[in-house]
Amino acid sequence: MNLDAIGKNIATIRKANHLTQVELASRLNVTPQAVSKWENGVNLPETSLLVALSQLFQVTIDELLMNDPYKGNRIDG
């Protein structure tokens, strides 16, 4: 798992939803510093927060964690 790539993906999805780090933190009941650490690749959200993030942004957890969830996993046929 590439923490930097995951963090950038979370930041991209957050910005696409017009939320600041402070607003996202407030909605998830975490600190803005926690959101910053995710987005800077320092650490990942806890599992329960991945579910909350996916529900908030209406994306799958795969979409949160991977830029292309099917990269390298395509089956031709």
N, C-alpha and C. Protein backbone atom coordinates (compact mmCIF):
# COMPACT_ATOMS: atom_id res chain seq x y z
N MET A 1 0.83 -1.18 0.00
CA MET A 1 0.00 0.00 0.00
C MET A 1 0.88 1.25 0.00
N ASN A 2 0.58 2.16 -0.87
CA ASN A 2 1.33 3.40 -0.96
C ASN A 2 0.56 4.49 -0.22
N LEU A 3 1.02 4.84 0.97
CA LEU A 3 0.31 5.82 1.79
C LEU A 3 0.22 7.18 1.12
N ASP A 4 1.27 7.58 0.40
CA ASP A 4 1.24 8.87 -0.28
C ASP A 4 0.13 8.91 -1.33
N ALA A 5 0.03 7.85 -2.12
CA ALA A 5 -0.99 7.80 -3.17
C ALA A 5 -2.39 7.77 -2.58
N ILE A 6 -2.56 7.02 -1.50
CA ILE A 6 -3.87 6.97 -0.84
C ILE A 6 -4.23 8.34 -0.30
N GLY A 7 -3.27 9.00 0.33
CA GLY A 7 -3.51 10.33 0.87
C GLY A 7 -3.90 11.33 -0.20
N LYS A 8 -3.20 11.29 -1.33
CA LYS A 8 -3.53 12.18 -2.43
C LYS A 8 -4.92 11.89 -2.96
N ASN A 9 -5.28 10.62 -3.01
CA ASN A 9 -6.61 10.25 -3.50
C ASN A 9 -7.69 10.76 -2.55
N ILE A 10 -7.49 10.62 -1.25
CA ILE A 10 -8.46 11.12 -0.28
C ILE A 10 -8.58 12.64 -0.42
N ALA A 11 -7.46 13.33 -0.57
CA ALA A 11 -7.48 14.79 -0.74
C ALA A 11 -8.24 15.19 -2.00
N THR A 12 -8.00 14.46 -3.09
CA THR A 12 -8.68 14.76 -4.35
C THR A 12 -10.19 14.59 -4.22
N ILE A 13 -10.61 13.51 -3.59
CA ILE A 13 -12.04 13.26 -3.41
C ILE A 13 -12.65 14.31 -2.49
N ARG A 14 -11.92 14.68 -1.42
CA ARG A 14 -12.42 15.72 -0.50
C ARG A 14 -12.60 17.04 -1.23
N LYS A 15 -11.59 17.43 -2.01
CA LYS A 15 -11.67 18.70 -2.73
C LYS A 15 -12.77 18.67 -3.79
N ALA A 16 -12.97 17.54 -4.44
CA ALA A 16 -14.04 17.41 -5.43
C ALA A 16 -15.41 17.58 -4.79
N ASN A 17 -15.48 17.32 -3.49
CA ASN A 17 -16.73 17.48 -2.75
C ASN A 17 -16.80 18.82 -2.02
N HIS A 18 -15.86 19.70 -2.35
CA HIS A 18 -15.85 21.09 -1.85
C HIS A 18 -15.82 21.17 -0.32
N LEU A 19 -15.01 20.32 0.28
CA LEU A 19 -14.84 20.35 1.73
C LEU A 19 -13.41 20.72 2.08
N THR A 20 -13.26 21.49 3.15
CA THR A 20 -11.93 21.74 3.68
C THR A 20 -11.55 20.59 4.60
N GLN A 21 -10.29 20.53 4.99
CA GLN A 21 -9.87 19.52 5.96
C GLN A 21 -10.62 19.71 7.27
N VAL A 22 -10.85 20.93 7.67
CA VAL A 22 -11.56 21.23 8.92
C VAL A 22 -13.01 20.74 8.84
N GLU A 23 -13.67 20.98 7.70
CA GLU A 23 -15.05 20.54 7.53
C GLU A 23 -15.15 19.02 7.54
N LEU A 24 -14.23 18.36 6.84
CA LEU A 24 -14.24 16.90 6.82
C LEU A 24 -14.00 16.35 8.22
N ALA A 25 -13.04 16.91 8.91
CA ALA A 25 -12.74 16.47 10.28
C ALA A 25 -13.97 16.60 11.17
N SER A 26 -14.67 17.70 11.04
CA SER A 26 -15.87 17.93 11.85
C SER A 26 -16.94 16.89 11.56
N ARG A 27 -17.13 16.57 10.30
CA ARG A 27 -18.15 15.57 9.93
C ARG A 27 -17.82 14.17 10.43
N LEU A 28 -16.51 13.89 10.56
CA LEU A 28 -16.08 12.56 10.99
C LEU A 28 -15.73 12.50 12.48
N ASN A 29 -15.85 13.63 13.16
CA ASN A 29 -15.50 13.72 14.58
C ASN A 29 -14.05 13.33 14.85
N VAL A 30 -13.17 13.84 13.99
CA VAL A 30 -11.73 13.68 14.18
C VAL A 30 -11.11 15.08 14.13
N THR A 31 -9.83 15.17 14.41
CA THR A 31 -9.17 16.46 14.35
C THR A 31 -8.75 16.79 12.92
N PRO A 32 -8.64 18.08 12.62
CA PRO A 32 -8.10 18.44 11.30
C PRO A 32 -6.69 17.88 11.09
N GLN A 33 -5.94 17.74 12.16
CA GLN A 33 -4.59 17.19 12.06
C GLN A 33 -4.64 15.73 11.58
N ALA A 34 -5.66 14.98 12.00
CA ALA A 34 -5.80 13.60 11.55
C ALA A 34 -6.02 13.56 10.04
N VAL A 35 -6.89 14.43 9.54
CA VAL A 35 -7.16 14.49 8.10
C VAL A 35 -5.87 14.86 7.36
N SER A 36 -5.14 15.83 7.89
CA SER A 36 -3.89 16.24 7.28
C SER A 36 -2.90 15.08 7.21
N LYS A 37 -2.81 14.29 8.28
CA LYS A 37 -1.90 13.14 8.29
C LYS A 37 -2.29 12.11 7.24
N TRP A 38 -3.59 11.89 7.06
CA TRP A 38 -4.04 10.95 6.02
C TRP A 38 -3.58 11.45 4.66
N GLU A 39 -3.87 12.74 4.41
CA GLU A 39 -3.62 13.30 3.09
C GLU A 39 -2.14 13.46 2.79
N ASN A 40 -1.31 13.52 3.81
CA ASN A 40 0.14 13.63 3.63
C ASN A 40 0.84 12.29 3.70
N GLY A 41 0.07 11.20 3.76
CA GLY A 41 0.64 9.87 3.73
C GLY A 41 1.35 9.45 5.00
N VAL A 42 1.02 10.10 6.12
CA VAL A 42 1.63 9.74 7.40
C VAL A 42 0.98 8.49 7.97
N ASN A 43 -0.35 8.42 7.87
CA ASN A 43 -1.08 7.23 8.30
C ASN A 43 -2.41 7.15 7.58
N LEU A 44 -3.14 6.07 7.84
CA LEU A 44 -4.44 5.83 7.21
C LEU A 44 -5.56 6.05 8.22
N PRO A 45 -6.76 6.36 7.73
CA PRO A 45 -7.91 6.40 8.63
C PRO A 45 -8.17 5.00 9.20
N GLU A 46 -8.75 4.96 10.39
CA GLU A 46 -9.16 3.68 10.96
C GLU A 46 -10.22 3.04 10.06
N THR A 47 -10.38 1.75 10.17
CA THR A 47 -11.32 1.01 9.32
C THR A 47 -12.72 1.60 9.39
N SER A 48 -13.20 1.91 10.58
CA SER A 48 -14.55 2.47 10.71
C SER A 48 -14.66 3.82 10.01
N LEU A 49 -13.57 4.57 9.96
CA LEU A 49 -13.59 5.85 9.27
C LEU A 49 -13.55 5.68 7.75
N LEU A 50 -12.94 4.59 7.28
CA LEU A 50 -12.99 4.33 5.85
C LEU A 50 -14.43 4.12 5.40
N VAL A 51 -15.20 3.41 6.21
CA VAL A 51 -16.62 3.21 5.91
C VAL A 51 -17.35 4.55 5.91
N ALA A 52 -17.10 5.36 6.93
CA ALA A 52 -17.75 6.67 7.01
C ALA A 52 -17.37 7.57 5.84
N LEU A 53 -16.09 7.55 5.46
CA LEU A 53 -15.63 8.34 4.31
C LEU A 53 -16.31 7.87 3.03
N SER A 54 -16.39 6.57 2.83
CA SER A 54 -17.00 6.06 1.61
C SER A 54 -18.48 6.43 1.54
N GLN A 55 -19.15 6.40 2.67
CA GLN A 55 -20.57 6.77 2.70
C GLN A 55 -20.73 8.28 2.47
N LEU A 56 -19.89 9.06 3.11
CA LEU A 56 -19.98 10.52 2.96
C LEU A 56 -19.76 10.94 1.51
N PHE A 57 -18.74 10.37 0.88
CA PHE A 57 -18.40 10.76 -0.48
C PHE A 57 -19.10 9.92 -1.54
N GLN A 58 -19.87 8.93 -1.12
CA GLN A 58 -20.60 8.04 -2.02
C GLN A 58 -19.66 7.38 -3.04
N VAL A 59 -18.58 6.82 -2.50
CA VAL A 59 -17.62 6.05 -3.28
C VAL A 59 -17.35 4.75 -2.54
N THR A 60 -16.76 3.80 -3.24
CA THR A 60 -16.39 2.56 -2.56
C THR A 60 -15.09 2.76 -1.78
N ILE A 61 -14.82 1.85 -0.89
CA ILE A 61 -13.55 1.91 -0.17
C ILE A 61 -12.40 1.72 -1.15
N ASP A 62 -12.58 0.87 -2.15
CA ASP A 62 -11.56 0.72 -3.19
C ASP A 62 -11.25 2.06 -3.85
N GLU A 63 -12.28 2.83 -4.15
CA GLU A 63 -12.07 4.13 -4.78
C GLU A 63 -11.33 5.09 -3.85
N LEU A 64 -11.52 4.95 -2.56
CA LEU A 64 -10.77 5.77 -1.60
C LEU A 64 -9.30 5.37 -1.57
N LEU A 65 -9.05 4.08 -1.64
CA LEU A 65 -7.69 3.57 -1.44
C LEU A 65 -6.88 3.43 -2.71
N MET A 66 -7.53 3.42 -3.88
CA MET A 66 -6.82 3.19 -5.13
C MET A 66 -7.28 4.18 -6.18
N ASN A 67 -6.33 4.68 -6.96
CA ASN A 67 -6.69 5.57 -8.06
C ASN A 67 -7.48 4.83 -9.12
N ASP A 68 -7.10 3.59 -9.38
CA ASP A 68 -7.80 2.74 -10.35
C ASP A 68 -7.96 1.37 -9.71
N PRO A 69 -9.11 1.10 -9.08
CA PRO A 69 -9.26 -0.15 -8.36
C PRO A 69 -9.13 -1.39 -9.23
N TYR A 70 -9.20 -1.24 -10.56
CA TYR A 70 -9.11 -2.39 -11.45
C TYR A 70 -7.77 -2.49 -12.14
N LYS A 71 -6.85 -1.59 -11.84
CA LYS A 71 -5.54 -1.59 -12.50
C LYS A 71 -4.83 -2.92 -12.25
N GLY A 72 -4.51 -3.57 -13.32
CA GLY A 72 -3.81 -4.83 -13.21
C GLY A 72 -4.71 -6.01 -12.89
N ASN A 73 -6.00 -5.78 -12.70
CA ASN A 73 -6.92 -6.85 -12.34
C ASN A 73 -8.00 -7.05 -13.39
N ARG A 74 -7.81 -6.49 -14.56
CA ARG A 74 -8.83 -6.62 -15.60
C ARG A 74 -8.80 -8.02 -16.20
N ILE A 75 -9.99 -8.53 -16.42
CA ILE A 75 -10.12 -9.84 -17.08
C ILE A 75 -10.72 -9.58 -18.44
N ASP A 76 -9.98 -9.92 -19.47
CA ASP A 76 -10.47 -9.74 -20.83
C ASP A 76 -11.33 -10.93 -21.21
N GLY A 77 -12.43 -10.66 -21.86
CA GLY A 77 -13.22 -11.80 -22.27
C GLY A 77 -14.51 -11.39 -22.71
